[in-house]
């Protein structure tokens, strides 16, 4: 990784795995991005998306709600959370 302290680098690696459908591999990268920047709503959203697609709907929705609390919204979100 280019700069291992950069939260966006970890987020981008997670996005690559998400796009490939490798959600289990994506989550640790999103976790690292969140560890480095706990207010990075986009990482919470994409981690939630990965959890949801792996069958963890409640964990996924929890992260998606957290991303909204942090001010991030995804216009293409197809995940339905109450």
C-alpha atoms as a PDB file:
ATOM      1  CA  UNK A   1       0.000   0.000   0.000  1.00  0.00           C
ATOM      2  CA  UNK A   2       1.221   3.469  -0.832  1.00  0.00           C
ATOM      3  CA  UNK A   3       0.752   5.270   2.481  1.00  0.00           C
ATOM      4  CA  UNK A   4      -0.483   2.823   5.075  1.00  0.00           C
ATOM      5  CA  UNK A   5      -1.524   5.646   7.416  1.00  0.00           C
ATOM      6  CA  UNK A   6      -3.931   7.138   4.871  1.00  0.00           C
ATOM      7  CA  UNK A   7      -7.505   6.062   5.658  1.00  0.00           C
ATOM      8  CA  UNK A   8      -8.576   6.676   2.050  1.00  0.00           C
ATOM      9  CA  UNK A   9      -6.037   4.129   0.807  1.00  0.00           C
ATOM     10  CA  UNK A  10      -7.620   1.469   3.008  1.00  0.00           C
ATOM     11  CA  UNK A  11     -11.107   2.539   1.944  1.00  0.00           C
ATOM     12  CA  UNK A  12     -10.155   2.292  -1.732  1.00  0.00           C
ATOM     13  CA  UNK A  13      -8.727  -1.210  -1.246  1.00  0.00           C
ATOM     14  CA  UNK A  14     -12.010  -2.214   0.376  1.00  0.00           C
ATOM     15  CA  UNK A  15     -13.926  -0.779  -2.570  1.00  0.00           C
ATOM     16  CA  UNK A  16     -11.896  -2.882  -4.990  1.00  0.00           C
ATOM     17  CA  UNK A  17     -12.772  -6.060  -3.094  1.00  0.00           C
ATOM     18  CA  UNK A  18     -16.424  -4.959  -2.809  1.00  0.00           C
ATOM     19  CA  UNK A  19     -16.666  -4.430  -6.569  1.00  0.00           C
ATOM     20  CA  UNK A  20     -15.219  -7.915  -7.112  1.00  0.00           C
ATOM     21  CA  UNK A  21     -17.837  -9.381  -4.756  1.00  0.00           C
ATOM     22  CA  UNK A  22     -15.175 -10.335  -2.193  1.00  0.00           C
ATOM     23  CA  UNK A  23     -17.006  -8.776   0.730  1.00  0.00           C
ATOM     24  CA  UNK A  24     -15.224 -10.796   3.407  1.00  0.00           C
ATOM     25  CA  UNK A  25     -11.877  -9.464   2.149  1.00  0.00           C
ATOM     26  CA  UNK A  26     -13.209  -5.905   1.875  1.00  0.00           C
ATOM     27  CA  UNK A  27     -14.354  -5.556   5.478  1.00  0.00           C
ATOM     28  CA  UNK A  28     -10.872  -5.519   7.116  1.00  0.00           C
ATOM     29  CA  UNK A  29      -9.873  -2.634   4.833  1.00  0.00           C
ATOM     30  CA  UNK A  30     -12.994  -0.681   5.771  1.00  0.00           C
ATOM     31  CA  UNK A  31     -12.281  -1.463   9.436  1.00  0.00           C
ATOM     32  CA  UNK A  32      -8.771  -0.048   9.049  1.00  0.00           C
ATOM     33  CA  UNK A  33     -10.108   3.112   7.343  1.00  0.00           C
ATOM     34  CA  UNK A  34     -12.595   3.576  10.198  1.00  0.00           C
ATOM     35  CA  UNK A  35      -9.862   2.972  12.798  1.00  0.00           C
ATOM     36  CA  UNK A  36      -7.771   5.703  11.182  1.00  0.00           C
ATOM     37  CA  UNK A  37     -10.716   8.112  10.751  1.00  0.00           C
ATOM     38  CA  UNK A  38     -13.777   7.241  12.884  1.00  0.00           C
ATOM     39  CA  UNK A  39     -15.769  10.072  11.262  1.00  0.00           C
ATOM     40  CA  UNK A  40     -15.357   8.765   7.703  1.00  0.00           C
ATOM     41  CA  UNK A  41     -18.991   8.015   6.889  1.00  0.00           C
ATOM     42  CA  UNK A  42     -18.267   6.623   3.442  1.00  0.00           C
ATOM     43  CA  UNK A  43     -16.250   3.748   4.945  1.00  0.00           C
ATOM     44  CA  UNK A  44     -19.115   2.938   7.331  1.00  0.00           C
ATOM     45  CA  UNK A  45     -21.519   2.890   4.382  1.00  0.00           C
ATOM     46  CA  UNK A  46     -19.398   0.561   2.269  1.00  0.00           C
ATOM     47  CA  UNK A  47     -18.618  -1.725   5.206  1.00  0.00           C
ATOM     48  CA  UNK A  48     -22.367  -1.880   5.874  1.00  0.00           C
ATOM     49  CA  UNK A  49     -23.007  -2.706   2.245  1.00  0.00           C
ATOM     50  CA  UNK A  50     -20.464  -5.549   2.423  1.00  0.00           C
ATOM     51  CA  UNK A  51     -21.944  -6.914   5.657  1.00  0.00           C
ATOM     52  CA  UNK A  52     -25.462  -6.724   4.204  1.00  0.00           C
ATOM     53  CA  UNK A  53     -24.464  -8.571   1.036  1.00  0.00           C
ATOM     54  CA  UNK A  54     -22.825 -11.286   3.153  1.00  0.00           C
ATOM     55  CA  UNK A  55     -26.143 -11.851   4.943  1.00  0.00           C
ATOM     56  CA  UNK A  56     -25.590  -9.697   8.039  1.00  0.00           C
ATOM     57  CA  UNK A  57     -28.533  -7.360   7.468  1.00  0.00           C
ATOM     58  CA  UNK A  58     -28.623  -5.960  11.000  1.00  0.00           C
ATOM     59  CA  UNK A  59     -24.872  -5.261  11.091  1.00  0.00           C
ATOM     60  CA  UNK A  60     -25.026  -3.793   7.620  1.00  0.00           C
ATOM     61  CA  UNK A  61     -27.915  -1.506   8.455  1.00  0.00           C
ATOM     62  CA  UNK A  62     -26.220  -0.426  11.679  1.00  0.00           C
ATOM     63  CA  UNK A  63     -23.200   0.742   9.664  1.00  0.00           C
ATOM     64  CA  UNK A  64     -25.379   2.397   7.021  1.00  0.00           C
ATOM     65  CA  UNK A  65     -27.278   4.299   9.726  1.00  0.00           C
ATOM     66  CA  UNK A  66     -23.946   5.349  11.256  1.00  0.00           C
ATOM     67  CA  UNK A  67     -22.788   6.651   7.873  1.00  0.00           C
ATOM     68  CA  UNK A  68     -25.945   8.780   7.662  1.00  0.00           C
ATOM     69  CA  UNK A  69     -25.351  10.116  11.191  1.00  0.00           C
ATOM     70  CA  UNK A  70     -21.886  11.164  10.011  1.00  0.00           C
ATOM     71  CA  UNK A  71     -23.411  13.035   7.068  1.00  0.00           C
ATOM     72  CA  UNK A  72     -22.779  10.545   4.266  1.00  0.00           C
ATOM     73  CA  UNK A  73     -25.573   9.505   1.922  1.00  0.00           C
ATOM     74  CA  UNK A  74     -25.261   7.335  -1.157  1.00  0.00           C
ATOM     75  CA  UNK A  75     -27.722   8.172  -3.917  1.00  0.00           C
ATOM     76  CA  UNK A  76     -27.281   4.723  -5.485  1.00  0.00           C
ATOM     77  CA  UNK A  77     -28.061   2.841  -2.261  1.00  0.00           C
ATOM     78  CA  UNK A  78     -30.332  -0.102  -3.062  1.00  0.00           C
ATOM     79  CA  UNK A  79     -30.208  -1.505   0.459  1.00  0.00           C
ATOM     80  CA  UNK A  80     -33.403  -1.108   2.415  1.00  0.00           C
ATOM     81  CA  UNK A  81     -32.856  -0.462   6.130  1.00  0.00           C
ATOM     82  CA  UNK A  82     -35.631   0.586   8.485  1.00  0.00           C
END
